[in-house]
Protein backbone atom coordinates (compact mmCIF):
# COMPACT_ATOMS: atom_id res chain seq x y z
CA UNK A 1 0.00 0.00 0.00
CA UNK A 2 2.92 2.33 0.64
CA UNK A 3 3.83 1.97 -3.04
CA UNK A 4 0.36 3.22 -3.98
CA UNK A 5 0.89 6.38 -1.94
CA UNK A 6 4.28 6.90 -3.56
CA UNK A 7 2.71 6.41 -6.98
CA UNK A 8 0.00 8.97 -6.21
CA UNK A 9 2.52 11.52 -4.97
CA UNK A 10 4.74 10.88 -8.00
CA UNK A 11 1.76 11.39 -10.29
CA UNK A 12 0.99 14.64 -8.50
CA UNK A 13 4.55 15.86 -9.03
CA UNK A 14 4.32 14.84 -12.68
CA UNK A 15 1.13 16.85 -13.10
CA UNK A 16 2.75 19.81 -11.40
CA UNK A 17 5.71 19.61 -13.76
CA UNK A 18 3.39 19.54 -16.77
CA UNK A 19 1.42 22.49 -15.41
CA UNK A 20 4.64 24.44 -14.83
CA UNK A 21 5.81 23.72 -18.37
CA UNK A 22 2.45 24.84 -19.80
CA UNK A 23 2.60 27.95 -17.62
CA UNK A 24 6.05 28.83 -18.96
CA UNK A 25 4.85 28.40 -22.54
CA UNK A 26 1.81 30.57 -21.85
CA UNK A 27 4.01 33.22 -20.22
CA UNK A 28 6.29 33.33 -23.26
CA UNK A 29 3.29 33.60 -25.59
CA UNK A 30 1.70 36.40 -23.55
CA UNK A 31 4.97 38.34 -23.49
CA UNK A 32 5.57 37.71 -27.21
CA UNK A 33 2.11 39.04 -28.10
CA UNK A 34 2.55 42.01 -25.79
CA UNK A 35 -0.68 41.24 -23.88
CA UNK A 36 1.00 42.06 -20.57
CA UNK A 37 4.24 43.78 -19.69
CA UNK A 38 7.00 41.23 -19.06
CA UNK A 39 7.40 42.13 -15.39
CA UNK A 40 3.68 41.71 -14.69
CA UNK A 41 3.46 38.44 -16.64
CA UNK A 42 6.45 37.03 -14.73
CA UNK A 43 4.94 38.09 -11.39
CA UNK A 44 1.62 36.45 -12.30
CA UNK A 45 3.43 33.26 -13.26
CA UNK A 46 5.52 33.29 -10.08
CA UNK A 47 2.38 33.71 -7.97
CA UNK A 48 0.64 30.91 -9.87
CA UNK A 49 3.64 28.59 -9.43
CA UNK A 50 3.78 29.30 -5.69
CA UNK A 51 0.06 28.57 -5.28
CA UNK A 52 0.40 25.39 -7.34
CA UNK A 53 3.27 24.13 -5.17
CA UNK A 54 1.30 24.87 -2.01
CA UNK A 55 -1.76 23.09 -3.37
CA UNK A 56 0.35 20.12 -4.46
CA UNK A 57 1.72 19.80 -0.93
CA UNK A 58 -1.80 19.98 0.51
CA UNK A 59 -3.03 17.29 -1.87
CA UNK A 60 -0.11 15.01 -0.99
CA UNK A 61 -0.80 15.43 2.74
CA UNK A 62 -4.50 14.81 2.22
CA UNK A 63 -3.85 11.69 0.15
CA UNK A 64 -1.49 10.38 2.81
CA UNK A 65 -4.04 11.01 5.55
CA UNK A 66 -6.82 9.30 3.60
CA UNK A 67 -4.62 6.31 2.88
CA UNK A 68 -3.69 6.06 6.55
CA UNK A 69 -7.40 6.07 7.47
CA UNK A 70 -8.13 3.35 4.92
CA UNK A 71 -5.27 1.21 6.18
CA UNK A 72 -6.41 1.66 9.78
CA UNK A 73 -9.90 0.44 8.84
CA UNK A 74 -8.32 -2.71 7.41
CA UNK A 75 -6.73 -3.39 10.81
CA UNK A 76 -3.34 -4.11 9.26
CA UNK A 77 -0.25 -4.19 11.43
CA UNK A 78 1.98 -1.13 11.18
CA UNK A 79 5.76 -1.09 11.35
CA UNK A 80 5.43 0.16 14.92
CA UNK A 81 3.08 -2.72 15.77
CA UNK A 82 5.54 -5.24 14.37
CA UNK A 83 8.46 -3.65 16.21
CA UNK A 84 6.55 -3.80 19.50
CA UNK A 85 5.65 -7.44 18.87
CA UNK A 86 9.25 -8.28 18.05
CA UNK A 87 10.36 -6.58 21.28
CA UNK A 88 7.85 -8.64 23.29
CA UNK A 89 9.00 -11.87 21.64
CA UNK A 90 12.65 -11.11 22.36
CA UNK A 91 11.80 -10.36 26.00
CA UNK A 92 9.86 -13.62 26.24
CA UNK A 93 12.77 -15.60 24.77
CA UNK A 94 15.16 -14.04 27.29
CA UNK A 95 12.81 -15.06 30.12
CA UNK A 96 12.71 -18.70 28.95
CA UNK A 97 16.51 -18.96 28.72
CA UNK A 98 17.00 -18.30 32.41
C-alpha atoms as a PDB file:
ATOM      1  CA  UNK A   1       0.000   0.000   0.000  1.00  0.00           C
ATOM      2  CA  UNK A   2       2.916   2.335   0.640  1.00  0.00           C
ATOM      3  CA  UNK A   3       3.826   1.972  -3.043  1.00  0.00           C
ATOM      4  CA  UNK A   4       0.358   3.223  -3.975  1.00  0.00           C
ATOM      5  CA  UNK A   5       0.889   6.376  -1.943  1.00  0.00           C
ATOM      6  CA  UNK A   6       4.277   6.902  -3.556  1.00  0.00           C
ATOM      7  CA  UNK A   7       2.712   6.414  -6.980  1.00  0.00           C
ATOM      8  CA  UNK A   8      -0.001   8.970  -6.206  1.00  0.00           C
ATOM      9  CA  UNK A   9       2.516  11.516  -4.974  1.00  0.00           C
ATOM     10  CA  UNK A  10       4.742  10.882  -8.000  1.00  0.00           C
ATOM     11  CA  UNK A  11       1.758  11.388 -10.288  1.00  0.00           C
ATOM     12  CA  UNK A  12       0.995  14.640  -8.501  1.00  0.00           C
ATOM     13  CA  UNK A  13       4.548  15.858  -9.029  1.00  0.00           C
ATOM     14  CA  UNK A  14       4.319  14.844 -12.678  1.00  0.00           C
ATOM     15  CA  UNK A  15       1.128  16.847 -13.096  1.00  0.00           C
ATOM     16  CA  UNK A  16       2.747  19.814 -11.403  1.00  0.00           C
ATOM     17  CA  UNK A  17       5.709  19.607 -13.764  1.00  0.00           C
ATOM     18  CA  UNK A  18       3.389  19.537 -16.773  1.00  0.00           C
ATOM     19  CA  UNK A  19       1.423  22.494 -15.406  1.00  0.00           C
ATOM     20  CA  UNK A  20       4.638  24.436 -14.833  1.00  0.00           C
ATOM     21  CA  UNK A  21       5.810  23.720 -18.374  1.00  0.00           C
ATOM     22  CA  UNK A  22       2.453  24.837 -19.799  1.00  0.00           C
ATOM     23  CA  UNK A  23       2.600  27.953 -17.625  1.00  0.00           C
ATOM     24  CA  UNK A  24       6.046  28.832 -18.959  1.00  0.00           C
ATOM     25  CA  UNK A  25       4.846  28.404 -22.545  1.00  0.00           C
ATOM     26  CA  UNK A  26       1.808  30.571 -21.846  1.00  0.00           C
ATOM     27  CA  UNK A  27       4.006  33.219 -20.215  1.00  0.00           C
ATOM     28  CA  UNK A  28       6.291  33.334 -23.264  1.00  0.00           C
ATOM     29  CA  UNK A  29       3.288  33.604 -25.592  1.00  0.00           C
ATOM     30  CA  UNK A  30       1.697  36.402 -23.549  1.00  0.00           C
ATOM     31  CA  UNK A  31       4.966  38.337 -23.491  1.00  0.00           C
ATOM     32  CA  UNK A  32       5.574  37.714 -27.214  1.00  0.00           C
ATOM     33  CA  UNK A  33       2.110  39.041 -28.105  1.00  0.00           C
ATOM     34  CA  UNK A  34       2.547  42.009 -25.788  1.00  0.00           C
ATOM     35  CA  UNK A  35      -0.675  41.245 -23.884  1.00  0.00           C
ATOM     36  CA  UNK A  36       0.997  42.059 -20.572  1.00  0.00           C
ATOM     37  CA  UNK A  37       4.244  43.782 -19.694  1.00  0.00           C
ATOM     38  CA  UNK A  38       6.997  41.230 -19.062  1.00  0.00           C
ATOM     39  CA  UNK A  39       7.400  42.132 -15.387  1.00  0.00           C
ATOM     40  CA  UNK A  40       3.678  41.715 -14.689  1.00  0.00           C
ATOM     41  CA  UNK A  41       3.465  38.443 -16.641  1.00  0.00           C
ATOM     42  CA  UNK A  42       6.446  37.030 -14.734  1.00  0.00           C
ATOM     43  CA  UNK A  43       4.939  38.085 -11.389  1.00  0.00           C
ATOM     44  CA  UNK A  44       1.621  36.446 -12.296  1.00  0.00           C
ATOM     45  CA  UNK A  45       3.428  33.261 -13.264  1.00  0.00           C
ATOM     46  CA  UNK A  46       5.523  33.294 -10.077  1.00  0.00           C
ATOM     47  CA  UNK A  47       2.377  33.713  -7.965  1.00  0.00           C
ATOM     48  CA  UNK A  48       0.642  30.911  -9.865  1.00  0.00           C
ATOM     49  CA  UNK A  49       3.641  28.591  -9.431  1.00  0.00           C
ATOM     50  CA  UNK A  50       3.782  29.297  -5.687  1.00  0.00           C
ATOM     51  CA  UNK A  51       0.064  28.569  -5.281  1.00  0.00           C
ATOM     52  CA  UNK A  52       0.404  25.391  -7.344  1.00  0.00           C
ATOM     53  CA  UNK A  53       3.272  24.129  -5.172  1.00  0.00           C
ATOM     54  CA  UNK A  54       1.300  24.870  -2.008  1.00  0.00           C
ATOM     55  CA  UNK A  55      -1.758  23.089  -3.374  1.00  0.00           C
ATOM     56  CA  UNK A  56       0.349  20.118  -4.457  1.00  0.00           C
ATOM     57  CA  UNK A  57       1.722  19.801  -0.935  1.00  0.00           C
ATOM     58  CA  UNK A  58      -1.801  19.983   0.511  1.00  0.00           C
ATOM     59  CA  UNK A  59      -3.027  17.294  -1.867  1.00  0.00           C
ATOM     60  CA  UNK A  60      -0.110  15.007  -0.994  1.00  0.00           C
ATOM     61  CA  UNK A  61      -0.796  15.434   2.742  1.00  0.00           C
ATOM     62  CA  UNK A  62      -4.497  14.813   2.219  1.00  0.00           C
ATOM     63  CA  UNK A  63      -3.848  11.686   0.151  1.00  0.00           C
ATOM     64  CA  UNK A  64      -1.487  10.375   2.807  1.00  0.00           C
ATOM     65  CA  UNK A  65      -4.041  11.010   5.547  1.00  0.00           C
ATOM     66  CA  UNK A  66      -6.822   9.297   3.601  1.00  0.00           C
ATOM     67  CA  UNK A  67      -4.616   6.308   2.879  1.00  0.00           C
ATOM     68  CA  UNK A  68      -3.689   6.062   6.551  1.00  0.00           C
ATOM     69  CA  UNK A  69      -7.404   6.068   7.467  1.00  0.00           C
ATOM     70  CA  UNK A  70      -8.131   3.349   4.921  1.00  0.00           C
ATOM     71  CA  UNK A  71      -5.268   1.205   6.184  1.00  0.00           C
ATOM     72  CA  UNK A  72      -6.412   1.661   9.780  1.00  0.00           C
ATOM     73  CA  UNK A  73      -9.900   0.436   8.841  1.00  0.00           C
ATOM     74  CA  UNK A  74      -8.317  -2.712   7.409  1.00  0.00           C
ATOM     75  CA  UNK A  75      -6.726  -3.394  10.806  1.00  0.00           C
ATOM     76  CA  UNK A  76      -3.336  -4.113   9.265  1.00  0.00           C
ATOM     77  CA  UNK A  77      -0.248  -4.187  11.429  1.00  0.00           C
ATOM     78  CA  UNK A  78       1.975  -1.128  11.183  1.00  0.00           C
ATOM     79  CA  UNK A  79       5.762  -1.093  11.351  1.00  0.00           C
ATOM     80  CA  UNK A  80       5.426   0.162  14.916  1.00  0.00           C
ATOM     81  CA  UNK A  81       3.075  -2.718  15.772  1.00  0.00           C
ATOM     82  CA  UNK A  82       5.536  -5.244  14.367  1.00  0.00           C
ATOM     83  CA  UNK A  83       8.461  -3.649  16.207  1.00  0.00           C
ATOM     84  CA  UNK A  84       6.547  -3.798  19.501  1.00  0.00           C
ATOM     85  CA  UNK A  85       5.646  -7.435  18.873  1.00  0.00           C
ATOM     86  CA  UNK A  86       9.251  -8.279  18.054  1.00  0.00           C
ATOM     87  CA  UNK A  87      10.358  -6.585  21.279  1.00  0.00           C
ATOM     88  CA  UNK A  88       7.848  -8.644  23.286  1.00  0.00           C
ATOM     89  CA  UNK A  89       9.000 -11.873  21.640  1.00  0.00           C
ATOM     90  CA  UNK A  90      12.649 -11.110  22.363  1.00  0.00           C
ATOM     91  CA  UNK A  91      11.802 -10.362  25.998  1.00  0.00           C
ATOM     92  CA  UNK A  92       9.855 -13.618  26.240  1.00  0.00           C
ATOM     93  CA  UNK A  93      12.767 -15.603  24.767  1.00  0.00           C
ATOM     94  CA  UNK A  94      15.157 -14.044  27.291  1.00  0.00           C
ATOM     95  CA  UNK A  95      12.806 -15.058  30.124  1.00  0.00           C
ATOM     96  CA  UNK A  96      12.713 -18.699  28.949  1.00  0.00           C
ATOM     97  CA  UNK A  97      16.508 -18.959  28.718  1.00  0.00           C
ATOM     98  CA  UNK A  98      17.004 -18.303  32.408  1.00  0.00           C
END
